[in-house]
Amino acid sequence: MPGPARRDAVIFHEALHTNIDLKAVTDVICCRTPSQFEGLVFDQRLVEHDAKALYKAGEKRLGTDETTFINIFGERSRAHMAAVSSAYRNTNKNTLRKVILAFFLYS
């Protein structure tokens, strides 16, 4: 049985490349507790950059720049994405989870 990180990687990969299950992607990225990421290192400047880029690619524009979302979600660690989700929530009206659901699942 694979560990949690491997399992999330498989879910994420299959959700984006096989059956386009954005709910699964959202769950992997946005539904982890901070304790699941303790001790993991990430670059705070990159976290803030990614939170701003996701805002510009989603809420700030008419339509959604899916490429930006896929690139950031596909290239960053779970710890990094948890920090991005937190930074996004602290600087914007909506949570990253709500934005993903609104722009990808309900559009």
PDB file of N, CA and C in Angstrom:
ATOM      1  N   MET A   1       0.861  -1.177   0.000  1.00  0.00           N
ATOM      2  CA  MET A   1       0.000   0.000   0.000  1.00  0.00           C
ATOM      3  C   MET A   1       0.903   1.234   0.000  1.00  0.00           C
ATOM      4  N   PRO A   2       0.687   2.170  -0.951  1.00  0.00           N
ATOM      5  CA  PRO A   2       1.530   3.366  -1.001  1.00  0.00           C
ATOM      6  C   PRO A   2       1.225   4.303   0.168  1.00  0.00           C
ATOM      7  N   GLY A   3       2.218   5.116   0.533  1.00  0.00           N
ATOM      8  CA  GLY A   3       2.019   6.092   1.592  1.00  0.00           C
ATOM      9  C   GLY A   3       1.116   7.228   1.122  1.00  0.00           C
ATOM     10  N   PRO A   4       0.743   8.110   2.043  1.00  0.00           N
ATOM     11  CA  PRO A   4      -0.174   9.201   1.703  1.00  0.00           C
ATOM     12  C   PRO A   4       0.336  10.106   0.580  1.00  0.00           C
ATOM     13  N   ALA A   5       1.617  10.423   0.576  1.00  0.00           N
ATOM     14  CA  ALA A   5       2.145  11.306  -0.468  1.00  0.00           C
ATOM     15  C   ALA A   5       2.076  10.625  -1.830  1.00  0.00           C
ATOM     16  N   ARG A   6       2.450   9.367  -1.881  1.00  0.00           N
ATOM     17  CA  ARG A   6       2.397   8.628  -3.151  1.00  0.00           C
ATOM     18  C   ARG A   6       0.953   8.483  -3.625  1.00  0.00           C
ATOM     19  N   ARG A   7       0.068   8.170  -2.702  1.00  0.00           N
ATOM     20  CA  ARG A   7      -1.351   8.026  -3.042  1.00  0.00           C
ATOM     21  C   ARG A   7      -1.900   9.341  -3.613  1.00  0.00           C
ATOM     22  N   ASP A   8      -1.563  10.479  -2.977  1.00  0.00           N
ATOM     23  CA  ASP A   8      -2.012  11.771  -3.482  1.00  0.00           C
ATOM     24  C   ASP A   8      -1.437  12.065  -4.857  1.00  0.00           C
ATOM     25  N   ALA A   9      -0.183  11.700  -5.071  1.00  0.00           N
ATOM     26  CA  ALA A   9       0.438  11.927  -6.377  1.00  0.00           C
ATOM     27  C   ALA A   9      -0.277  11.121  -7.461  1.00  0.00           C
ATOM     28  N   VAL A  10      -0.617   9.885  -7.163  1.00  0.00           N
ATOM     29  CA  VAL A  10      -1.322   9.045  -8.124  1.00  0.00           C
ATOM     30  C   VAL A  10      -2.713   9.611  -8.404  1.00  0.00           C
ATOM     31  N   ILE A  11      -3.428  10.000  -7.359  1.00  0.00           N
ATOM     32  CA  ILE A  11      -4.762  10.593  -7.518  1.00  0.00           C
ATOM     33  C   ILE A  11      -4.674  11.851  -8.374  1.00  0.00           C
ATOM     34  N   PHE A  12      -3.721  12.704  -8.049  1.00  0.00           N
ATOM     35  CA  PHE A  12      -3.545  13.962  -8.765  1.00  0.00           C
ATOM     36  C   PHE A  12      -3.222  13.704 -10.238  1.00  0.00           C
ATOM     37  N   HIS A  13      -2.287  12.804 -10.494  1.00  0.00           N
ATOM     38  CA  HIS A  13      -1.897  12.509 -11.870  1.00  0.00           C
ATOM     39  C   HIS A  13      -3.076  11.949 -12.659  1.00  0.00           C
ATOM     40  N   GLU A  14      -3.761  10.977 -12.103  1.00  0.00           N
ATOM     41  CA  GLU A  14      -4.893  10.374 -12.804  1.00  0.00           C
ATOM     42  C   GLU A  14      -6.023  11.386 -13.003  1.00  0.00           C
ATOM     43  N   ALA A  15      -6.229  12.245 -12.009  1.00  0.00           N
ATOM     44  CA  ALA A  15      -7.308  13.234 -12.108  1.00  0.00           C
ATOM     45  C   ALA A  15      -7.048  14.250 -13.207  1.00  0.00           C
ATOM     46  N   LEU A  16      -5.795  14.601 -13.435  1.00  0.00           N
ATOM     47  CA  LEU A  16      -5.485  15.593 -14.463  1.00  0.00           C
ATOM     48  C   LEU A  16      -5.218  14.980 -15.827  1.00  0.00           C
ATOM     49  N   HIS A  17      -4.707  13.773 -15.865  1.00  0.00           N
ATOM     50  CA  HIS A  17      -4.268  13.219 -17.141  1.00  0.00           C
ATOM     51  C   HIS A  17      -5.147  12.095 -17.683  1.00  0.00           C
ATOM     52  N   THR A  18      -5.975  11.517 -16.855  1.00  0.00           N
ATOM     53  CA  THR A  18      -6.762  10.382 -17.312  1.00  0.00           C
ATOM     54  C   THR A  18      -8.239  10.719 -17.431  1.00  0.00           C
ATOM     55  N   ASN A  19      -8.845  11.093 -16.316  1.00  0.00           N
ATOM     56  CA  ASN A  19     -10.294  11.295 -16.339  1.00  0.00           C
ATOM     57  C   ASN A  19     -10.729  12.715 -15.985  1.00  0.00           C
ATOM     58  N   ILE A  20      -9.817  13.655 -15.878  1.00  0.00           N
ATOM     59  CA  ILE A  20     -10.107  15.063 -15.577  1.00  0.00           C
ATOM     60  C   ILE A  20     -11.124  15.174 -14.439  1.00  0.00           C
ATOM     61  N   ASP A  21     -10.746  14.706 -13.290  1.00  0.00           N
ATOM     62  CA  ASP A  21     -11.580  14.762 -12.088  1.00  0.00           C
ATOM     63  C   ASP A  21     -11.071  15.907 -11.220  1.00  0.00           C
ATOM     64  N   LEU A  22     -11.611  17.109 -11.443  1.00  0.00           N
ATOM     65  CA  LEU A  22     -11.114  18.279 -10.736  1.00  0.00           C
ATOM     66  C   LEU A  22     -11.513  18.286  -9.260  1.00  0.00           C
ATOM     67  N   LYS A  23     -12.555  17.564  -8.901  1.00  0.00           N
ATOM     68  CA  LYS A  23     -12.901  17.451  -7.481  1.00  0.00           C
ATOM     69  C   LYS A  23     -11.791  16.714  -6.738  1.00  0.00           C
ATOM     70  N   ALA A  24     -11.265  15.672  -7.346  1.00  0.00           N
ATOM     71  CA  ALA A  24     -10.171  14.928  -6.721  1.00  0.00           C
ATOM     72  C   ALA A  24      -8.941  15.810  -6.572  1.00  0.00           C
ATOM     73  N   VAL A  25      -8.647  16.602  -7.594  1.00  0.00           N
ATOM     74  CA  VAL A  25      -7.511  17.522  -7.533  1.00  0.00           C
ATOM     75  C   VAL A  25      -7.714  18.524  -6.406  1.00  0.00           C
ATOM     76  N   THR A  26      -8.905  19.081  -6.327  1.00  0.00           N
ATOM     77  CA  THR A  26      -9.223  20.049  -5.284  1.00  0.00           C
ATOM     78  C   THR A  26      -9.061  19.428  -3.903  1.00  0.00           C
ATOM     79  N   ASP A  27      -9.547  18.210  -3.737  1.00  0.00           N
ATOM     80  CA  ASP A  27      -9.426  17.536  -2.442  1.00  0.00           C
ATOM     81  C   ASP A  27      -7.967  17.322  -2.056  1.00  0.00           C
ATOM     82  N   VAL A  28      -7.144  16.907  -3.002  1.00  0.00           N
ATOM     83  CA  VAL A  28      -5.730  16.667  -2.713  1.00  0.00           C
ATOM     84  C   VAL A  28      -5.038  17.963  -2.317  1.00  0.00           C
ATOM     85  N   ILE A  29      -5.332  19.047  -3.026  1.00  0.00           N
ATOM     86  CA  ILE A  29      -4.626  20.306  -2.807  1.00  0.00           C
ATOM     87  C   ILE A  29      -5.148  21.082  -1.606  1.00  0.00           C
ATOM     88  N   CYS A  30      -6.432  21.138  -1.453  1.00  0.00           N
ATOM     89  CA  CYS A  30      -7.017  22.075  -0.487  1.00  0.00           C
ATOM     90  C   CYS A  30      -7.514  21.452   0.811  1.00  0.00           C
ATOM     91  N   CYS A  31      -7.540  20.166   0.915  1.00  0.00           N
ATOM     92  CA  CYS A  31      -8.180  19.542   2.076  1.00  0.00           C
ATOM     93  C   CYS A  31      -7.206  18.862   3.022  1.00  0.00           C
ATOM     94  N   ARG A  32      -6.001  19.310   3.060  1.00  0.00           N
ATOM     95  CA  ARG A  32      -5.035  18.758   3.990  1.00  0.00           C
ATOM     96  C   ARG A  32      -4.913  19.697   5.186  1.00  0.00           C
ATOM     97  N   THR A  33      -4.750  19.140   6.348  1.00  0.00           N
ATOM     98  CA  THR A  33      -4.599  19.960   7.539  1.00  0.00           C
ATOM     99  C   THR A  33      -3.158  20.431   7.657  1.00  0.00           C
ATOM    100  N   PRO A  34      -2.934  21.575   8.309  1.00  0.00           N
ATOM    101  CA  PRO A  34      -1.550  22.051   8.462  1.00  0.00           C
ATOM    102  C   PRO A  34      -0.630  21.028   9.120  1.00  0.00           C
ATOM    103  N   SER A  35      -1.166  20.206  10.028  1.00  0.00           N
ATOM    104  CA  SER A  35      -0.314  19.216  10.696  1.00  0.00           C
ATOM    105  C   SER A  35       0.225  18.179   9.716  1.00  0.00           C
ATOM    106  N   GLN A  36      -0.442  17.986   8.586  1.00  0.00           N
ATOM    107  CA  GLN A  36       0.041  17.028   7.600  1.00  0.00           C
ATOM    108  C   GLN A  36       1.278  17.548   6.874  1.00  0.00           C
ATOM    109  N   PHE A  37       1.566  18.841   7.020  1.00  0.00           N
ATOM    110  CA  PHE A  37       2.665  19.438   6.287  1.00  0.00           C
ATOM    111  C   PHE A  37       3.786  19.944   7.185  1.00  0.00           C
ATOM    112  N   GLU A  38       3.702  19.699   8.486  1.00  0.00           N
ATOM    113  CA  GLU A  38       4.733  20.171   9.409  1.00  0.00           C
ATOM    114  C   GLU A  38       6.087  19.606   9.038  1.00  0.00           C
ATOM    115  N   GLY A  39       7.093  20.458   9.163  1.00  0.00           N
ATOM    116  CA  GLY A  39       8.452  20.023   8.908  1.00  0.00           C
ATOM    117  C   GLY A  39       8.854  20.058   7.446  1.00  0.00           C
ATOM    118  N   LEU A  40       7.930  20.362   6.573  1.00  0.00           N
ATOM    119  CA  LEU A  40       8.248  20.434   5.156  1.00  0.00           C
ATOM    120  C   LEU A  40       8.618  21.863   4.798  1.00  0.00           C
ATOM    121  N   VAL A  41       9.597  22.019   3.931  1.00  0.00           N
ATOM    122  CA  VAL A  41      10.135  23.334   3.605  1.00  0.00           C
ATOM    123  C   VAL A  41       9.583  23.805   2.263  1.00  0.00           C
ATOM    124  N   PHE A  42       9.279  25.104   2.200  1.00  0.00           N
ATOM    125  CA  PHE A  42       8.869  25.717   0.948  1.00  0.00           C
ATOM    126  C   PHE A  42       9.337  27.167   0.950  1.00  0.00           C
ATOM    127  N   ASP A  43       9.353  27.774  -0.216  1.00  0.00           N
ATOM    128  CA  ASP A  43       9.804  29.146  -0.408  1.00  0.00           C
ATOM    129  C   ASP A  43       8.613  30.096  -0.272  1.00  0.00           C
ATOM    130  N   GLN A  44       8.602  30.903   0.774  1.00  0.00           N
ATOM    131  CA  GLN A  44       7.464  31.788   1.041  1.00  0.00           C
ATOM    132  C   GLN A  44       7.257  32.794  -0.089  1.00  0.00           C
ATOM    133  N   ARG A  45       8.341  33.277  -0.701  1.00  0.00           N
ATOM    134  CA  ARG A  45       8.185  34.228  -1.818  1.00  0.00           C
ATOM    135  C   ARG A  45       7.493  33.553  -2.998  1.00  0.00           C
ATOM    136  N   LEU A  46       7.836  32.312  -3.266  1.00  0.00           N
ATOM    137  CA  LEU A  46       7.190  31.586  -4.351  1.00  0.00           C
ATOM    138  C   LEU A  46       5.730  31.296  -4.006  1.00  0.00           C
ATOM    139  N   VAL A  47       5.453  31.029  -2.740  1.00  0.00           N
ATOM    140  CA  VAL A  47       4.081  30.822  -2.286  1.00  0.00           C
ATOM    141  C   VAL A  47       3.247  32.062  -2.599  1.00  0.00           C
ATOM    142  N   GLU A  48       3.747  33.225  -2.214  1.00  0.00           N
ATOM    143  CA  GLU A  48       3.015  34.471  -2.454  1.00  0.00           C
ATOM    144  C   GLU A  48       2.869  34.752  -3.946  1.00  0.00           C
ATOM    145  N   HIS A  49       3.928  34.472  -4.710  1.00  0.00           N
ATOM    146  CA  HIS A  49       3.869  34.645  -6.167  1.00  0.00           C
ATOM    147  C   HIS A  49       2.790  33.745  -6.772  1.00  0.00           C
ATOM    148  N   ASP A  50       2.756  32.491  -6.348  1.00  0.00           N
ATOM    149  CA  ASP A  50       1.774  31.552  -6.883  1.00  0.00           C
ATOM    150  C   ASP A  50       0.350  31.950  -6.493  1.00  0.00           C
ATOM    151  N   ALA A  51       0.150  32.412  -5.269  1.00  0.00           N
ATOM    152  CA  ALA A  51      -1.186  32.854  -4.841  1.00  0.00           C
ATOM    153  C   ALA A  51      -1.655  34.020  -5.723  1.00  0.00           C
ATOM    154  N   LYS A  52      -0.769  34.966  -6.000  1.00  0.00           N
ATOM    155  CA  LYS A  52      -1.121  36.101  -6.870  1.00  0.00           C
ATOM    156  C   LYS A  52      -1.376  35.627  -8.300  1.00  0.00           C
ATOM    157  N   ALA A  53      -0.549  34.727  -8.789  1.00  0.00           N
ATOM    158  CA  ALA A  53      -0.722  34.220 -10.161  1.00  0.00           C
ATOM    159  C   ALA A  53      -2.054  33.483 -10.306  1.00  0.00           C
ATOM    160  N   LEU A  54      -2.433  32.708  -9.298  1.00  0.00           N
ATOM    161  CA  LEU A  54      -3.708  31.998  -9.350  1.00  0.00           C
ATOM    162  C   LEU A  54      -4.884  32.975  -9.309  1.00  0.00           C
ATOM    163  N   TYR A  55      -4.746  34.037  -8.523  1.00  0.00           N
ATOM    164  CA  TYR A  55      -5.788  35.060  -8.484  1.00  0.00           C
ATOM    165  C   TYR A  55      -5.942  35.708  -9.861  1.00  0.00           C
ATOM    166  N   LYS A  56      -4.821  36.085 -10.457  1.00  0.00           N
ATOM    167  CA  LYS A  56      -4.851  36.726 -11.776  1.00  0.00           C
ATOM    168  C   LYS A  56      -5.381  35.776 -12.850  1.00  0.00           C
ATOM    169  N   ALA A  57      -5.113  34.493 -12.696  1.00  0.00           N
ATOM    170  CA  ALA A  57      -5.545  33.503 -13.686  1.00  0.00           C
ATOM    171  C   ALA A  57      -7.005  33.091 -13.494  1.00  0.00           C
ATOM    172  N   GLY A  58      -7.577  33.408 -12.348  1.00  0.00           N
ATOM    173  CA  GLY A  58      -8.947  32.979 -12.064  1.00  0.00           C
ATOM    174  C   GLY A  58      -9.883  34.123 -11.777  1.00  0.00           C
ATOM    175  N   GLU A  59      -9.933  34.540 -10.537  1.00  0.00           N
ATOM    176  CA  GLU A  59     -10.907  35.538 -10.113  1.00  0.00           C
ATOM    177  C   GLU A  59     -10.757  36.883 -10.802  1.00  0.00           C
ATOM    178  N   LYS A  60      -9.551  37.305 -11.067  1.00  0.00           N
ATOM    179  CA  LYS A  60      -9.323  38.658 -11.581  1.00  0.00           C
ATOM    180  C   LYS A  60      -9.674  38.798 -13.058  1.00  0.00           C
ATOM    181  N   ARG A  61      -9.748  37.723 -13.789  1.00  0.00           N
ATOM    182  CA  ARG A  61      -9.951  37.832 -15.230  1.00  0.00           C
ATOM    183  C   ARG A  61     -11.285  37.241 -15.654  1.00  0.00           C
ATOM    184  N   LEU A  62     -11.726  37.643 -16.816  1.00  0.00           N
ATOM    185  CA  LEU A  62     -12.912  37.059 -17.412  1.00  0.00           C
ATOM    186  C   LEU A  62     -12.483  35.751 -18.064  1.00  0.00           C
ATOM    187  N   GLY A  63     -13.060  34.657 -17.643  1.00  0.00           N
ATOM    188  CA  GLY A  63     -12.588  33.351 -18.084  1.00  0.00           C
ATOM    189  C   GLY A  63     -11.485  32.889 -17.150  1.00  0.00           C
ATOM    190  N   THR A  64     -10.976  31.725 -17.397  1.00  0.00           N
ATOM    191  CA  THR A  64      -9.951  31.162 -16.524  1.00  0.00           C
ATOM    192  C   THR A  64      -8.745  30.734 -17.342  1.00  0.00           C
ATOM    193  N   ASP A  65      -7.565  31.040 -16.838  1.00  0.00           N
ATOM    194  CA  ASP A  65      -6.327  30.597 -17.469  1.00  0.00           C
ATOM    195  C   ASP A  65      -5.959  29.244 -16.861  1.00  0.00           C
ATOM    196  N   GLU A  66      -6.501  28.183 -17.446  1.00  0.00           N
ATOM    197  CA  GLU A  66      -6.306  26.839 -16.901  1.00  0.00           C
ATOM    198  C   GLU A  66      -4.839  26.427 -16.892  1.00  0.00           C
ATOM    199  N   THR A  67      -4.068  26.912 -17.855  1.00  0.00           N
ATOM    200  CA  THR A  67      -2.657  26.546 -17.932  1.00  0.00           C
ATOM    201  C   THR A  67      -1.907  26.962 -16.676  1.00  0.00           C
ATOM    202  N   THR A  68      -2.180  28.159 -16.183  1.00  0.00           N
ATOM    203  CA  THR A  68      -1.524  28.617 -14.953  1.00  0.00           C
ATOM    204  C   THR A  68      -1.880  27.707 -13.788  1.00  0.00           C
ATOM    205  N   PHE A  69      -3.157  27.361 -13.651  1.00  0.00           N
ATOM    206  CA  PHE A  69      -3.581  26.471 -12.578  1.00  0.00           C
ATOM    207  C   PHE A  69      -2.878  25.114 -12.693  1.00  0.00           C
ATOM    208  N   ILE A  70      -2.883  24.542 -13.873  1.00  0.00           N
ATOM    209  CA  ILE A  70      -2.274  23.221 -14.061  1.00  0.00           C
ATOM    210  C   ILE A  70      -0.778  23.261 -13.793  1.00  0.00           C
ATOM    211  N   ASN A  71      -0.100  24.296 -14.288  1.00  0.00           N
ATOM    212  CA  ASN A  71       1.347  24.393 -14.068  1.00  0.00           C
ATOM    213  C   ASN A  71       1.684  24.506 -12.585  1.00  0.00           C
ATOM    214  N   ILE A  72       0.983  25.367 -11.878  1.00  0.00           N
ATOM    215  CA  ILE A  72       1.283  25.545 -10.452  1.00  0.00           C
ATOM    216  C   ILE A  72       0.924  24.288  -9.667  1.00  0.00           C
ATOM    217  N   PHE A  73      -0.279  23.753  -9.884  1.00  0.00           N
ATOM    218  CA  PHE A  73      -0.696  22.569  -9.138  1.00  0.00           C
ATOM    219  C   PHE A  73       0.165  21.353  -9.471  1.00  0.00           C
ATOM    220  N   GLY A  74       0.619  21.252 -10.702  1.00  0.00           N
ATOM    221  CA  GLY A  74       1.386  20.091 -11.121  1.00  0.00           C
ATOM    222  C   GLY A  74       2.854  20.124 -10.755  1.00  0.00           C
ATOM    223  N   GLU A  75       3.392  21.315 -10.470  1.00  0.00           N
ATOM    224  CA  GLU A  75       4.829  21.440 -10.242  1.00  0.00           C
ATOM    225  C   GLU A  75       5.215  21.696  -8.787  1.00  0.00           C
ATOM    226  N   ARG A  76       4.248  21.895  -7.917  1.00  0.00           N
ATOM    227  CA  ARG A  76       4.559  22.259  -6.533  1.00  0.00           C
ATOM    228  C   ARG A  76       4.255  21.104  -5.579  1.00  0.00           C
ATOM    229  N   SER A  77       4.914  21.129  -4.451  1.00  0.00           N
ATOM    230  CA  SER A  77       4.714  20.086  -3.430  1.00  0.00           C
ATOM    231  C   SER A  77       3.404  20.311  -2.686  1.00  0.00           C
ATOM    232  N   ARG A  78       2.985  19.291  -1.949  1.00  0.00           N
ATOM    233  CA  ARG A  78       1.777  19.407  -1.130  1.00  0.00           C
ATOM    234  C   ARG A  78       1.936  20.504  -0.082  1.00  0.00           C
ATOM    235  N   ALA A  79       3.106  20.568   0.536  1.00  0.00           N
ATOM    236  CA  ALA A  79       3.343  21.600   1.551  1.00  0.00           C
ATOM    237  C   ALA A  79       3.250  22.983   0.923  1.00  0.00           C
ATOM    238  N   HIS A  80       3.843  23.123  -0.244  1.00  0.00           N
ATOM    239  CA  HIS A  80       3.799  24.405  -0.948  1.00  0.00           C
ATOM    240  C   HIS A  80       2.354  24.778  -1.269  1.00  0.00           C
ATOM    241  N   MET A  81       1.575  23.833  -1.781  1.00  0.00           N
ATOM    242  CA  MET A  81       0.189  24.129  -2.158  1.00  0.00           C
ATOM    243  C   MET A  81      -0.680  24.419  -0.942  1.00  0.00           C
ATOM    244  N   ALA A  82      -0.405  23.785   0.181  1.00  0.00           N
ATOM    245  CA  ALA A  82      -1.139  24.117   1.400  1.00  0.00           C
ATOM    246  C   ALA A  82      -0.844  25.554   1.802  1.00  0.00           C
ATOM    247  N   ALA A  83       0.415  25.955   1.679  1.00  0.00           N
ATOM    248  CA  ALA A  83       0.801  27.337   1.991  1.00  0.00           C
ATOM    249  C   ALA A  83       0.181  28.310   0.993  1.00  0.00           C
ATOM    250  N   VAL A  84       0.125  27.935  -0.287  1.00  0.00           N
ATOM    251  CA  VAL A  84      -0.511  28.781  -1.303  1.00  0.00           C
ATOM    252  C   VAL A  84      -1.994  28.951  -0.977  1.00  0.00           C
ATOM    253  N   SER A  85      -2.647  27.868  -0.618  1.00  0.00           N
ATOM    254  CA  SER A  85      -4.062  27.926  -0.260  1.00  0.00           C
ATOM    255  C   SER A  85      -4.283  28.880   0.916  1.00  0.00           C
ATOM    256  N   SER A  86      -3.428  28.801   1.899  1.00  0.00           N
ATOM    257  CA  SER A  86      -3.517  29.694   3.062  1.00  0.00           C
ATOM    258  C   SER A  86      -3.246  31.146   2.668  1.00  0.00           C
ATOM    259  N   ALA A  87      -2.220  31.384   1.864  1.00  0.00           N
ATOM    260  CA  ALA A  87      -1.900  32.744   1.412  1.00  0.00           C
ATOM    261  C   ALA A  87      -3.028  33.309   0.565  1.00  0.00           C
ATOM    262  N   TYR A  88      -3.606  32.488  -0.269  1.00  0.00           N
ATOM    263  CA  TYR A  88      -4.716  32.926  -1.110  1.00  0.00           C
ATOM    264  C   TYR A  88      -5.893  33.362  -0.238  1.00  0.00           C
ATOM    265  N   ARG A  89      -6.207  32.559   0.750  1.00  0.00           N
ATOM    266  CA  ARG A  89      -7.317  32.848   1.659  1.00  0.00           C
ATOM    267  C   ARG A  89      -7.060  34.140   2.437  1.00  0.00           C
ATOM    268  N   ASN A  90      -5.801  34.396   2.787  1.00  0.00           N
ATOM    269  CA  ASN A  90      -5.472  35.586   3.574  1.00  0.00           C
ATOM    270  C   ASN A  90      -5.487  36.871   2.751  1.00  0.00           C
ATOM    271  N   THR A  91      -5.349  36.771   1.435  1.00  0.00           N
ATOM    272  CA  THR A  91      -5.246  37.977   0.614  1.00  0.00           C
ATOM    273  C   THR A  91      -6.430  38.197  -0.322  1.00  0.00           C
ATOM    274  N   ASN A  92      -7.361  37.267  -0.390  1.00  0.00           N
ATOM    275  CA  ASN A  92      -8.482  37.391  -1.313  1.00  0.00           C
ATOM    276  C   ASN A  92      -9.804  37.120  -0.617  1.00  0.00           C
ATOM    277  N   LYS A  93     -10.869  37.514  -1.267  1.00  0.00           N
ATOM    278  CA  LYS A  93     -12.213  37.355  -0.710  1.00  0.00           C
ATOM    279  C   LYS A  93     -12.601  35.882  -0.579  1.00  0.00           C
ATOM    280  N   ASN A  94     -12.279  35.096  -1.591  1.00  0.00           N
ATOM    281  CA  ASN A  94     -12.657  33.683  -1.613  1.00  0.00           C
ATOM    282  C   ASN A  94     -11.480  32.782  -1.255  1.00  0.00           C
ATOM    283  N   THR A  95     -11.804  31.550  -0.888  1.00  0.00           N
ATOM    284  CA  THR A  95     -10.745  30.565  -0.680  1.00  0.00           C
ATOM    285  C   THR A  95     -10.362  29.974  -2.038  1.00  0.00           C
ATOM    286  N   LEU A  96      -9.191  29.408  -2.110  1.00  0.00           N
ATOM    287  CA  LEU A  96      -8.743  28.779  -3.347  1.00  0.00           C
ATOM    288  C   LEU A  96      -9.672  27.633  -3.719  1.00  0.00           C
ATOM    289  N   ARG A  97     -10.136  26.917  -2.747  1.00  0.00           N
ATOM    290  CA  ARG A  97     -11.076  25.812  -2.993  1.00  0.00           C
ATOM    291  C   ARG A  97     -12.339  26.311  -3.679  1.00  0.00           C
ATOM    292  N   LYS A  98     -12.915  27.403  -3.182  1.00  0.00           N
ATOM    293  CA  LYS A  98     -14.127  27.959  -3.791  1.00  0.00           C
ATOM    294  C   LYS A  98     -13.871  28.410  -5.218  1.00  0.00           C
ATOM    295  N   VAL A  99     -12.716  28.993  -5.445  1.00  0.00           N
ATOM    296  CA  VAL A  99     -12.378  29.460  -6.792  1.00  0.00           C
ATOM    297  C   VAL A  99     -12.267  28.279  -7.748  1.00  0.00           C
ATOM    298  N   ILE A 100     -11.585  27.235  -7.317  1.00  0.00           N
ATOM    299  CA  ILE A 100     -11.438  26.050  -8.168  1.00  0.00           C
ATOM    300  C   ILE A 100     -12.802  25.447  -8.469  1.00  0.00           C
ATOM    301  N   LEU A 101     -13.619  25.306  -7.458  1.00  0.00           N
ATOM    302  CA  LEU A 101     -14.954  24.740  -7.671  1.00  0.00           C
ATOM    303  C   LEU A 101     -15.771  25.615  -8.610  1.00  0.00           C
ATOM    304  N   ALA A 102     -15.730  26.923  -8.412  1.00  0.00           N
ATOM    305  CA  ALA A 102     -16.518  27.837  -9.231  1.00  0.00           C
ATOM    306  C   ALA A 102     -16.061  27.850 -10.687  1.00  0.00           C
ATOM    307  N   PHE A 103     -14.769  27.898 -10.902  1.00  0.00           N
ATOM    308  CA  PHE A 103     -14.271  28.056 -12.264  1.00  0.00           C
ATOM    309  C   PHE A 103     -14.120  26.749 -13.024  1.00  0.00           C
ATOM    310  N   PHE A 104     -13.920  25.650 -12.346  1.00  0.00           N
ATOM    311  CA  PHE A 104     -13.654  24.412 -13.060  1.00  0.00           C
ATOM    312  C   PHE A 104     -14.800  23.411 -12.966  1.00  0.00           C
ATOM    313  N   LEU A 105     -15.466  23.332 -11.862  1.00  0.00           N
ATOM    314  CA  LEU A 105     -16.525  22.348 -11.724  1.00  0.00           C
ATOM    315  C   LEU A 105     -17.887  22.878 -12.151  1.00  0.00           C
ATOM    316  N   TYR A 106     -18.124  24.145 -11.938  1.00  0.00           N
ATOM    317  CA  TYR A 106     -19.446  24.700 -12.188  1.00  0.00           C
ATOM    318  C   TYR A 106     -19.536  25.520 -13.455  1.00  0.00           C
ATOM    319  N   SER A 107     -18.455  25.637 -14.211  1.00  0.00           N
ATOM    320  CA  SER A 107     -18.527  26.440 -15.434  1.00  0.00           C
ATOM    321  C   SER A 107     -18.778  25.576 -16.644  1.00  0.00           C
TER     322      SER A 107
END
